[in-house]
Amino acid sequence: MKVIAGEARGRRLRAPRGTATRPTSARVRESIFSRLEAKISIAGRTVLDLFAGSGALGIEALSRGADRAVFVDGSKLAASAIRRNLSTLDLTDRTQVIVLEAHRAMAELHRRAERFDLVFVDAPYESQATAAALRAMGELDLIASGGWVAVEMSRRETPPEVPVLERVSIATLGDHRVALYRRTESAPA
């Protein structure tokens, strides 16, 4: 795995050992970022990489100019791989790694009044975790008004409908589906 574009372009990323993590392929990452960059600039954004795994999506955003990224994964092995990748790429000063289950981490981010311009969600496939995470993000007001959410899921999954998020696009790439959402309201109902 390598960073595709930006200041860290071509640099290698390590994935956590074992089969518990499914790293996002270069093809899918390129598709996600091409779709996003057709609509917004990544530069200056505050990013949340939820179910981060290797951290590839958040690191790609940092490489492309995002100001800051928070990585969340419940696995200590994943967190270790993310920290190693951030250190190797000299990105640790613009990041935070949270080792908690996604909903507990989102509750903590809400307590700290964090809001994100760009969120990546790459939950375990077919676990219903994607829909639950999107609903929680809206309820906890973690997505800034006008913010974007990029979701990677199995092509067998249907992108969920979520209050406060407008589904902008859906694309199928082999076994993967990518959905983009945009926050349209300034506060949760």
N, C-alpha and C. Protein backbone atom coordinates (compact mmCIF):
# COMPACT_ATOMS: atom_id res chain seq x y z
N MET A 1 0.83 -1.17 0.00
CA MET A 1 0.00 0.00 0.00
C MET A 1 0.88 1.24 0.00
N LYS A 2 0.49 2.19 -0.83
CA LYS A 2 1.22 3.45 -0.90
C LYS A 2 0.25 4.63 -0.90
N VAL A 3 0.74 5.78 -0.44
CA VAL A 3 -0.02 7.02 -0.53
C VAL A 3 -0.08 7.39 -2.01
N ILE A 4 -1.26 7.78 -2.47
CA ILE A 4 -1.48 8.00 -3.90
C ILE A 4 -1.03 9.39 -4.37
N ALA A 5 -1.34 10.43 -3.59
CA ALA A 5 -1.07 11.80 -4.06
C ALA A 5 -0.65 12.70 -2.90
N GLY A 6 -0.18 13.88 -3.26
CA GLY A 6 0.15 14.89 -2.26
C GLY A 6 1.58 14.80 -1.77
N GLU A 7 1.85 15.41 -0.61
CA GLU A 7 3.21 15.52 -0.10
C GLU A 7 3.84 14.18 0.24
N ALA A 8 3.05 13.18 0.56
CA ALA A 8 3.59 11.85 0.91
C ALA A 8 3.43 10.85 -0.24
N ARG A 9 3.16 11.34 -1.42
CA ARG A 9 2.92 10.48 -2.58
C ARG A 9 4.03 9.43 -2.76
N GLY A 10 3.58 8.18 -2.96
CA GLY A 10 4.51 7.09 -3.22
C GLY A 10 5.10 6.45 -1.97
N ARG A 11 4.86 7.05 -0.79
CA ARG A 11 5.39 6.50 0.45
C ARG A 11 4.56 5.29 0.87
N ARG A 12 5.22 4.30 1.43
CA ARG A 12 4.57 3.03 1.82
C ARG A 12 3.80 3.18 3.14
N LEU A 13 2.69 2.44 3.20
CA LEU A 13 1.91 2.34 4.43
C LEU A 13 1.88 0.90 4.88
N ARG A 14 1.91 0.70 6.18
CA ARG A 14 1.80 -0.65 6.73
C ARG A 14 0.37 -0.89 7.19
N ALA A 15 -0.10 -2.10 6.95
CA ALA A 15 -1.41 -2.52 7.45
C ALA A 15 -1.23 -3.33 8.72
N PRO A 16 -2.23 -3.35 9.59
CA PRO A 16 -2.13 -4.19 10.79
C PRO A 16 -1.99 -5.65 10.39
N ARG A 17 -1.28 -6.40 11.20
CA ARG A 17 -1.12 -7.84 10.94
C ARG A 17 -2.44 -8.56 11.14
N GLY A 18 -2.58 -9.68 10.44
CA GLY A 18 -3.77 -10.51 10.60
C GLY A 18 -4.84 -10.18 9.57
N THR A 19 -5.98 -10.82 9.74
CA THR A 19 -7.06 -10.66 8.77
C THR A 19 -8.22 -9.83 9.31
N ALA A 20 -8.08 -9.27 10.50
CA ALA A 20 -9.16 -8.48 11.09
C ALA A 20 -9.37 -7.15 10.37
N THR A 21 -8.36 -6.66 9.68
CA THR A 21 -8.45 -5.38 8.98
C THR A 21 -8.42 -5.62 7.48
N ARG A 22 -9.28 -4.88 6.78
CA ARG A 22 -9.35 -4.95 5.33
C ARG A 22 -8.89 -3.59 4.79
N PRO A 23 -7.60 -3.45 4.44
CA PRO A 23 -7.12 -2.15 3.97
C PRO A 23 -7.81 -1.72 2.67
N THR A 24 -8.10 -0.44 2.58
CA THR A 24 -8.73 0.11 1.38
C THR A 24 -7.71 0.09 0.24
N SER A 25 -8.09 -0.52 -0.87
CA SER A 25 -7.18 -0.64 -2.01
C SER A 25 -6.90 0.73 -2.64
N ALA A 26 -5.81 0.83 -3.36
CA ALA A 26 -5.44 2.08 -4.04
C ALA A 26 -6.54 2.49 -5.01
N ARG A 27 -7.12 1.53 -5.69
CA ARG A 27 -8.18 1.83 -6.67
C ARG A 27 -9.39 2.48 -5.99
N VAL A 28 -9.80 1.93 -4.86
CA VAL A 28 -10.95 2.48 -4.14
C VAL A 28 -10.59 3.83 -3.53
N ARG A 29 -9.40 3.96 -2.95
CA ARG A 29 -8.99 5.26 -2.39
C ARG A 29 -8.96 6.32 -3.47
N GLU A 30 -8.41 5.98 -4.63
CA GLU A 30 -8.36 6.94 -5.74
C GLU A 30 -9.77 7.35 -6.15
N SER A 31 -10.68 6.40 -6.20
CA SER A 31 -12.06 6.71 -6.55
C SER A 31 -12.70 7.64 -5.52
N ILE A 32 -12.50 7.34 -4.25
CA ILE A 32 -13.06 8.18 -3.19
C ILE A 32 -12.53 9.61 -3.32
N PHE A 33 -11.21 9.76 -3.45
CA PHE A 33 -10.64 11.10 -3.49
C PHE A 33 -10.94 11.83 -4.79
N SER A 34 -11.04 11.13 -5.90
CA SER A 34 -11.43 11.77 -7.16
C SER A 34 -12.84 12.33 -7.05
N ARG A 35 -13.75 11.55 -6.46
CA ARG A 35 -15.13 12.00 -6.29
C ARG A 35 -15.21 13.18 -5.34
N LEU A 36 -14.47 13.10 -4.23
CA LEU A 36 -14.47 14.21 -3.28
C LEU A 36 -13.88 15.48 -3.90
N GLU A 37 -12.72 15.33 -4.53
CA GLU A 37 -12.03 16.53 -5.05
C GLU A 37 -12.75 17.16 -6.23
N ALA A 38 -13.71 16.44 -6.83
CA ALA A 38 -14.54 17.06 -7.86
C ALA A 38 -15.56 18.00 -7.23
N LYS A 39 -15.77 17.87 -5.91
CA LYS A 39 -16.77 18.66 -5.22
C LYS A 39 -16.19 19.65 -4.21
N ILE A 40 -15.05 19.29 -3.58
CA ILE A 40 -14.46 20.13 -2.52
C ILE A 40 -12.94 20.09 -2.61
N SER A 41 -12.32 21.02 -1.92
CA SER A 41 -10.88 20.97 -1.74
C SER A 41 -10.62 20.26 -0.41
N ILE A 42 -9.66 19.36 -0.41
CA ILE A 42 -9.29 18.65 0.83
C ILE A 42 -8.45 19.57 1.73
N ALA A 43 -7.74 20.50 1.12
CA ALA A 43 -6.85 21.40 1.87
C ALA A 43 -7.62 22.14 2.96
N GLY A 44 -7.01 22.17 4.14
CA GLY A 44 -7.56 22.91 5.25
C GLY A 44 -8.65 22.19 6.03
N ARG A 45 -9.01 20.99 5.64
CA ARG A 45 -10.11 20.25 6.28
C ARG A 45 -9.65 19.57 7.57
N THR A 46 -10.61 19.38 8.47
CA THR A 46 -10.42 18.58 9.67
C THR A 46 -11.10 17.25 9.40
N VAL A 47 -10.37 16.14 9.59
CA VAL A 47 -10.79 14.83 9.13
C VAL A 47 -10.97 13.86 10.30
N LEU A 48 -12.01 13.02 10.19
CA LEU A 48 -12.21 11.90 11.09
C LEU A 48 -12.15 10.64 10.25
N ASP A 49 -11.25 9.72 10.60
CA ASP A 49 -11.13 8.42 9.93
C ASP A 49 -11.65 7.38 10.91
N LEU A 50 -12.91 6.97 10.73
CA LEU A 50 -13.60 6.06 11.65
C LEU A 50 -13.44 4.63 11.14
N PHE A 51 -13.16 3.68 12.03
CA PHE A 51 -12.81 2.30 11.66
C PHE A 51 -11.54 2.39 10.79
N ALA A 52 -10.54 3.08 11.28
CA ALA A 52 -9.39 3.52 10.48
C ALA A 52 -8.49 2.42 9.95
N GLY A 53 -8.38 1.28 10.62
CA GLY A 53 -7.52 0.20 10.12
C GLY A 53 -6.07 0.62 10.03
N SER A 54 -5.55 0.80 8.84
CA SER A 54 -4.17 1.25 8.63
C SER A 54 -4.05 2.77 8.67
N GLY A 55 -5.19 3.45 8.61
CA GLY A 55 -5.18 4.91 8.55
C GLY A 55 -5.03 5.45 7.15
N ALA A 56 -5.13 4.60 6.14
CA ALA A 56 -4.84 5.01 4.75
C ALA A 56 -5.70 6.17 4.27
N LEU A 57 -6.98 6.18 4.62
CA LEU A 57 -7.85 7.26 4.13
C LEU A 57 -7.50 8.60 4.79
N GLY A 58 -7.35 8.61 6.11
CA GLY A 58 -6.97 9.84 6.79
C GLY A 58 -5.59 10.33 6.39
N ILE A 59 -4.66 9.40 6.22
CA ILE A 59 -3.30 9.77 5.79
C ILE A 59 -3.33 10.34 4.39
N GLU A 60 -4.12 9.75 3.51
CA GLU A 60 -4.25 10.29 2.15
C GLU A 60 -4.78 11.72 2.19
N ALA A 61 -5.76 11.98 3.08
CA ALA A 61 -6.30 13.33 3.21
C ALA A 61 -5.23 14.30 3.72
N LEU A 62 -4.45 13.88 4.71
CA LEU A 62 -3.36 14.73 5.21
C LEU A 62 -2.34 15.01 4.12
N SER A 63 -2.00 13.99 3.35
CA SER A 63 -1.04 14.16 2.26
C SER A 63 -1.55 15.16 1.23
N ARG A 64 -2.87 15.23 1.07
CA ARG A 64 -3.49 16.14 0.10
C ARG A 64 -3.82 17.50 0.69
N GLY A 65 -3.37 17.76 1.92
CA GLY A 65 -3.50 19.10 2.48
C GLY A 65 -4.46 19.29 3.63
N ALA A 66 -5.10 18.24 4.12
CA ALA A 66 -5.96 18.40 5.30
C ALA A 66 -5.13 18.92 6.46
N ASP A 67 -5.72 19.75 7.31
CA ASP A 67 -5.00 20.34 8.43
C ASP A 67 -4.76 19.35 9.57
N ARG A 68 -5.76 18.52 9.85
CA ARG A 68 -5.70 17.67 11.04
C ARG A 68 -6.55 16.44 10.80
N ALA A 69 -6.16 15.32 11.42
CA ALA A 69 -6.96 14.09 11.32
C ALA A 69 -6.99 13.37 12.64
N VAL A 70 -8.16 12.82 12.95
CA VAL A 70 -8.36 11.96 14.11
C VAL A 70 -8.67 10.57 13.58
N PHE A 71 -7.93 9.58 14.06
CA PHE A 71 -8.08 8.19 13.63
C PHE A 71 -8.71 7.41 14.77
N VAL A 72 -9.77 6.65 14.47
CA VAL A 72 -10.46 5.86 15.49
C VAL A 72 -10.49 4.41 15.05
N ASP A 73 -10.01 3.54 15.93
CA ASP A 73 -10.14 2.10 15.70
C ASP A 73 -10.09 1.42 17.06
N GLY A 74 -10.91 0.41 17.23
CA GLY A 74 -10.95 -0.31 18.49
C GLY A 74 -9.83 -1.31 18.68
N SER A 75 -9.09 -1.60 17.62
CA SER A 75 -8.02 -2.59 17.67
C SER A 75 -6.68 -1.94 18.04
N LYS A 76 -6.02 -2.52 19.04
CA LYS A 76 -4.69 -2.03 19.41
C LYS A 76 -3.68 -2.28 18.30
N LEU A 77 -3.84 -3.39 17.55
CA LEU A 77 -2.95 -3.67 16.42
C LEU A 77 -3.11 -2.61 15.33
N ALA A 78 -4.36 -2.23 15.05
CA ALA A 78 -4.61 -1.19 14.05
C ALA A 78 -4.02 0.14 14.52
N ALA A 79 -4.25 0.48 15.77
CA ALA A 79 -3.72 1.74 16.30
C ALA A 79 -2.20 1.78 16.22
N SER A 80 -1.57 0.66 16.49
CA SER A 80 -0.11 0.58 16.39
C SER A 80 0.35 0.81 14.95
N ALA A 81 -0.34 0.20 13.99
CA ALA A 81 0.01 0.39 12.58
C ALA A 81 -0.19 1.84 12.16
N ILE A 82 -1.29 2.45 12.62
CA ILE A 82 -1.56 3.86 12.28
C ILE A 82 -0.44 4.74 12.84
N ARG A 83 -0.11 4.54 14.10
CA ARG A 83 0.95 5.36 14.72
C ARG A 83 2.28 5.19 14.00
N ARG A 84 2.59 3.96 13.61
CA ARG A 84 3.83 3.70 12.87
C ARG A 84 3.80 4.44 11.53
N ASN A 85 2.67 4.38 10.82
CA ASN A 85 2.56 5.07 9.54
C ASN A 85 2.69 6.58 9.71
N LEU A 86 2.03 7.13 10.71
CA LEU A 86 2.10 8.57 10.96
C LEU A 86 3.52 9.01 11.31
N SER A 87 4.20 8.22 12.12
CA SER A 87 5.57 8.54 12.50
C SER A 87 6.50 8.48 11.29
N THR A 88 6.37 7.42 10.50
CA THR A 88 7.21 7.27 9.31
C THR A 88 7.04 8.44 8.35
N LEU A 89 5.80 8.93 8.23
CA LEU A 89 5.50 10.03 7.30
C LEU A 89 5.63 11.40 7.95
N ASP A 90 6.06 11.45 9.21
CA ASP A 90 6.23 12.70 9.96
C ASP A 90 4.93 13.51 10.01
N LEU A 91 3.83 12.82 10.35
CA LEU A 91 2.52 13.46 10.43
C LEU A 91 1.93 13.47 11.84
N THR A 92 2.66 13.02 12.82
CA THR A 92 2.10 12.86 14.16
C THR A 92 1.63 14.17 14.79
N ASP A 93 2.25 15.29 14.46
CA ASP A 93 1.88 16.56 15.07
C ASP A 93 0.53 17.08 14.60
N ARG A 94 -0.03 16.50 13.54
CA ARG A 94 -1.33 16.94 12.99
C ARG A 94 -2.42 15.90 13.22
N THR A 95 -2.17 14.96 14.15
CA THR A 95 -3.07 13.83 14.27
C THR A 95 -3.32 13.43 15.72
N GLN A 96 -4.36 12.61 15.88
CA GLN A 96 -4.63 11.95 17.15
C GLN A 96 -5.16 10.56 16.80
N VAL A 97 -4.73 9.56 17.55
CA VAL A 97 -5.21 8.19 17.39
C VAL A 97 -5.99 7.83 18.65
N ILE A 98 -7.24 7.42 18.46
CA ILE A 98 -8.10 7.03 19.57
C ILE A 98 -8.37 5.54 19.46
N VAL A 99 -8.02 4.80 20.51
CA VAL A 99 -8.22 3.35 20.53
C VAL A 99 -9.45 3.06 21.38
N LEU A 100 -10.61 3.13 20.74
CA LEU A 100 -11.89 2.86 21.37
C LEU A 100 -12.84 2.31 20.32
N GLU A 101 -13.84 1.60 20.77
CA GLU A 101 -14.92 1.19 19.88
C GLU A 101 -15.55 2.47 19.32
N ALA A 102 -16.02 2.43 18.08
CA ALA A 102 -16.47 3.62 17.35
C ALA A 102 -17.48 4.47 18.12
N HIS A 103 -18.51 3.86 18.68
CA HIS A 103 -19.54 4.66 19.35
C HIS A 103 -19.03 5.32 20.62
N ARG A 104 -18.16 4.64 21.36
CA ARG A 104 -17.56 5.27 22.54
C ARG A 104 -16.65 6.42 22.12
N ALA A 105 -15.90 6.23 21.05
CA ALA A 105 -15.02 7.29 20.56
C ALA A 105 -15.83 8.50 20.09
N MET A 106 -16.95 8.23 19.38
CA MET A 106 -17.78 9.35 18.91
C MET A 106 -18.39 10.10 20.09
N ALA A 107 -18.79 9.39 21.13
CA ALA A 107 -19.32 10.04 22.33
C ALA A 107 -18.25 10.93 22.97
N GLU A 108 -17.02 10.43 23.02
CA GLU A 108 -15.91 11.22 23.57
C GLU A 108 -15.64 12.46 22.70
N LEU A 109 -15.65 12.31 21.40
CA LEU A 109 -15.44 13.46 20.50
C LEU A 109 -16.56 14.49 20.68
N HIS A 110 -17.78 14.03 20.88
CA HIS A 110 -18.91 14.92 21.14
C HIS A 110 -18.69 15.69 22.45
N ARG A 111 -18.25 14.99 23.50
CA ARG A 111 -17.98 15.66 24.79
C ARG A 111 -16.94 16.76 24.63
N ARG A 112 -16.00 16.55 23.72
CA ARG A 112 -14.95 17.55 23.48
C ARG A 112 -15.37 18.61 22.45
N ALA A 113 -16.62 18.53 22.00
CA ALA A 113 -17.20 19.48 21.03
C ALA A 113 -16.43 19.50 19.71
N GLU A 114 -15.92 18.34 19.30
CA GLU A 114 -15.21 18.22 18.02
C GLU A 114 -16.22 18.18 16.88
N ARG A 115 -15.87 18.81 15.77
CA ARG A 115 -16.68 18.74 14.54
C ARG A 115 -15.71 18.58 13.38
N PHE A 116 -16.13 17.82 12.39
CA PHE A 116 -15.25 17.46 11.29
C PHE A 116 -15.83 17.89 9.94
N ASP A 117 -14.93 18.37 9.07
CA ASP A 117 -15.32 18.78 7.73
C ASP A 117 -15.43 17.59 6.78
N LEU A 118 -14.67 16.53 7.10
CA LEU A 118 -14.62 15.36 6.23
C LEU A 118 -14.48 14.11 7.11
N VAL A 119 -15.38 13.15 6.87
CA VAL A 119 -15.37 11.92 7.66
C VAL A 119 -15.29 10.73 6.71
N PHE A 120 -14.44 9.77 7.05
CA PHE A 120 -14.36 8.51 6.32
C PHE A 120 -14.91 7.41 7.22
N VAL A 121 -15.80 6.60 6.66
CA VAL A 121 -16.37 5.47 7.40
C VAL A 121 -16.12 4.21 6.58
N ASP A 122 -15.36 3.29 7.15
CA ASP A 122 -15.04 2.03 6.48
C ASP A 122 -15.22 0.90 7.49
N ALA A 123 -16.49 0.71 7.89
CA ALA A 123 -16.84 -0.28 8.92
C ALA A 123 -16.71 -1.69 8.37
N PRO A 124 -16.62 -2.67 9.27
CA PRO A 124 -16.62 -4.06 8.79
C PRO A 124 -17.84 -4.30 7.90
N TYR A 125 -17.61 -4.94 6.78
CA TYR A 125 -18.69 -5.15 5.81
C TYR A 125 -19.83 -5.95 6.40
N GLU A 126 -21.03 -5.56 6.01
CA GLU A 126 -22.27 -6.26 6.35
C GLU A 126 -22.48 -6.44 7.85
N SER A 127 -22.01 -5.47 8.63
CA SER A 127 -22.14 -5.55 10.08
C SER A 127 -23.21 -4.62 10.63
N GLN A 128 -23.82 -3.82 9.78
CA GLN A 128 -24.78 -2.78 10.17
C GLN A 128 -24.11 -1.64 10.92
N ALA A 129 -22.81 -1.68 11.04
CA ALA A 129 -22.08 -0.64 11.78
C ALA A 129 -22.06 0.69 11.02
N THR A 130 -22.12 0.63 9.69
CA THR A 130 -22.09 1.87 8.91
C THR A 130 -23.31 2.73 9.21
N ALA A 131 -24.50 2.15 9.10
CA ALA A 131 -25.73 2.91 9.35
C ALA A 131 -25.76 3.45 10.77
N ALA A 132 -25.37 2.63 11.74
CA ALA A 132 -25.36 3.06 13.13
C ALA A 132 -24.37 4.20 13.35
N ALA A 133 -23.20 4.11 12.73
CA ALA A 133 -22.19 5.18 12.87
C ALA A 133 -22.67 6.48 12.24
N LEU A 134 -23.28 6.39 11.07
CA LEU A 134 -23.78 7.61 10.42
C LEU A 134 -24.88 8.27 11.24
N ARG A 135 -25.80 7.47 11.77
CA ARG A 135 -26.86 8.04 12.62
C ARG A 135 -26.25 8.70 13.86
N ALA A 136 -25.29 8.02 14.49
CA ALA A 136 -24.66 8.58 15.69
C ALA A 136 -23.93 9.88 15.39
N MET A 137 -23.23 9.94 14.27
CA MET A 137 -22.52 11.18 13.90
C MET A 137 -23.48 12.35 13.77
N GLY A 138 -24.65 12.09 13.15
CA GLY A 138 -25.65 13.14 13.02
C GLY A 138 -26.22 13.55 14.37
N GLU A 139 -26.56 12.57 15.18
CA GLU A 139 -27.14 12.84 16.50
C GLU A 139 -26.16 13.56 17.42
N LEU A 140 -24.89 13.23 17.32
CA LEU A 140 -23.87 13.82 18.17
C LEU A 140 -23.28 15.11 17.58
N ASP A 141 -23.76 15.50 16.41
CA ASP A 141 -23.33 16.75 15.77
C ASP A 141 -21.83 16.79 15.53
N LEU A 142 -21.27 15.67 15.03
CA LEU A 142 -19.84 15.59 14.78
C LEU A 142 -19.44 16.10 13.40
N ILE A 143 -20.40 16.26 12.51
CA ILE A 143 -20.11 16.69 11.14
C ILE A 143 -20.45 18.17 11.03
N ALA A 144 -19.48 18.96 10.61
CA ALA A 144 -19.70 20.40 10.45
C ALA A 144 -20.75 20.65 9.38
N SER A 145 -21.45 21.77 9.50
CA SER A 145 -22.43 22.15 8.48
C SER A 145 -21.72 22.23 7.13
N GLY A 146 -22.27 21.57 6.13
CA GLY A 146 -21.62 21.53 4.83
C GLY A 146 -20.52 20.50 4.73
N GLY A 147 -20.28 19.75 5.82
CA GLY A 147 -19.23 18.73 5.83
C GLY A 147 -19.60 17.52 4.98
N TRP A 148 -18.60 16.71 4.67
CA TRP A 148 -18.77 15.55 3.79
C TRP A 148 -18.42 14.27 4.51
N VAL A 149 -19.12 13.19 4.11
CA VAL A 149 -18.84 11.86 4.64
C VAL A 149 -18.66 10.92 3.46
N ALA A 150 -17.55 10.19 3.44
CA ALA A 150 -17.29 9.18 2.40
C ALA A 150 -17.37 7.81 3.07
N VAL A 151 -18.22 6.95 2.53
CA VAL A 151 -18.46 5.64 3.11
C VAL A 151 -18.02 4.56 2.12
N GLU A 152 -17.22 3.62 2.62
CA GLU A 152 -16.87 2.43 1.83
C GLU A 152 -17.61 1.25 2.45
N MET A 153 -18.27 0.46 1.60
CA MET A 153 -19.02 -0.69 2.08
C MET A 153 -19.02 -1.78 1.02
N SER A 154 -19.55 -2.93 1.37
CA SER A 154 -19.70 -4.02 0.42
C SER A 154 -20.72 -3.62 -0.64
N ARG A 155 -20.52 -4.10 -1.85
CA ARG A 155 -21.49 -3.79 -2.92
C ARG A 155 -22.85 -4.41 -2.62
N ARG A 156 -22.91 -5.39 -1.73
CA ARG A 156 -24.18 -6.02 -1.35
C ARG A 156 -24.97 -5.17 -0.36
N GLU A 157 -24.32 -4.17 0.22
CA GLU A 157 -24.99 -3.30 1.18
C GLU A 157 -25.64 -2.12 0.46
N THR A 158 -26.75 -1.66 1.01
CA THR A 158 -27.43 -0.48 0.49
C THR A 158 -27.01 0.71 1.34
N PRO A 159 -26.53 1.78 0.72
CA PRO A 159 -26.15 2.96 1.51
C PRO A 159 -27.36 3.47 2.29
N PRO A 160 -27.22 3.65 3.59
CA PRO A 160 -28.37 4.02 4.42
C PRO A 160 -28.83 5.46 4.18
N GLU A 161 -30.11 5.68 4.46
CA GLU A 161 -30.67 7.04 4.51
C GLU A 161 -30.47 7.52 5.94
N VAL A 162 -29.95 8.74 6.10
CA VAL A 162 -29.63 9.25 7.43
C VAL A 162 -30.11 10.68 7.56
N PRO A 163 -30.87 11.00 8.65
CA PRO A 163 -31.26 12.39 8.86
C PRO A 163 -30.02 13.28 8.90
N VAL A 164 -30.14 14.48 8.46
CA VAL A 164 -29.13 15.54 8.36
C VAL A 164 -28.04 15.27 7.32
N LEU A 165 -28.06 14.09 6.69
CA LEU A 165 -27.09 13.81 5.63
C LEU A 165 -27.81 13.59 4.30
N GLU A 166 -27.38 14.32 3.29
CA GLU A 166 -27.91 14.14 1.95
C GLU A 166 -26.96 13.20 1.19
N ARG A 167 -27.49 12.10 0.68
CA ARG A 167 -26.66 11.20 -0.12
C ARG A 167 -26.46 11.85 -1.49
N VAL A 168 -25.21 12.12 -1.83
CA VAL A 168 -24.87 12.85 -3.05
C VAL A 168 -24.58 11.90 -4.21
N SER A 169 -23.87 10.80 -3.93
CA SER A 169 -23.54 9.86 -5.01
C SER A 169 -23.25 8.48 -4.46
N ILE A 170 -23.41 7.50 -5.34
CA ILE A 170 -23.08 6.11 -5.03
C ILE A 170 -22.35 5.55 -6.24
N ALA A 171 -21.27 4.84 -6.01
CA ALA A 171 -20.52 4.19 -7.10
C ALA A 171 -20.16 2.78 -6.65
N THR A 172 -20.21 1.85 -7.60
CA THR A 172 -19.81 0.48 -7.32
C THR A 172 -18.51 0.20 -8.05
N LEU A 173 -17.53 -0.32 -7.31
CA LEU A 173 -16.21 -0.63 -7.85
C LEU A 173 -15.88 -2.07 -7.47
N GLY A 174 -16.10 -3.01 -8.36
CA GLY A 174 -15.86 -4.41 -8.04
C GLY A 174 -16.73 -4.84 -6.89
N ASP A 175 -16.11 -5.31 -5.80
CA ASP A 175 -16.85 -5.76 -4.62
C ASP A 175 -17.18 -4.64 -3.64
N HIS A 176 -16.81 -3.42 -3.97
CA HIS A 176 -16.96 -2.28 -3.06
C HIS A 176 -18.02 -1.31 -3.57
N ARG A 177 -18.61 -0.62 -2.63
CA ARG A 177 -19.53 0.47 -2.95
C ARG A 177 -19.04 1.69 -2.17
N VAL A 178 -19.03 2.83 -2.84
CA VAL A 178 -18.62 4.09 -2.22
C VAL A 178 -19.80 5.05 -2.29
N ALA A 179 -20.18 5.58 -1.14
CA ALA A 179 -21.26 6.56 -1.09
C ALA A 179 -20.73 7.85 -0.48
N LEU A 180 -21.11 8.96 -1.08
CA LEU A 180 -20.75 10.28 -0.54
C LEU A 180 -22.01 10.94 0.01
N TYR A 181 -21.86 11.53 1.19
CA TYR A 181 -22.95 12.25 1.83
C TYR A 181 -22.47 13.67 2.15
N ARG A 182 -23.44 14.59 2.25
CA ARG A 182 -23.12 15.95 2.63
C ARG A 182 -24.06 16.38 3.75
N ARG A 183 -23.50 17.02 4.77
CA ARG A 183 -24.29 17.54 5.89
C ARG A 183 -25.01 18.79 5.40
N THR A 184 -26.32 18.82 5.53
CA THR A 184 -27.08 19.95 5.01
C THR A 184 -27.63 20.84 6.11
N GLU A 185 -27.81 20.33 7.32
CA GLU A 185 -28.34 21.13 8.41
C GLU A 185 -27.21 21.58 9.32
N SER A 186 -27.41 22.67 10.02
CA SER A 186 -26.36 23.16 10.90
C SER A 186 -26.39 22.54 12.28
N ALA A 187 -27.50 21.92 12.66
CA ALA A 187 -27.59 21.30 13.99
C ALA A 187 -28.54 20.11 13.92
N PRO A 188 -28.34 19.13 14.78
CA PRO A 188 -29.23 17.98 14.76
C PRO A 188 -30.65 18.37 15.20
N ALA A 189 -31.62 17.63 14.69
CA ALA A 189 -33.03 17.91 15.02
C ALA A 189 -33.31 17.53 16.46
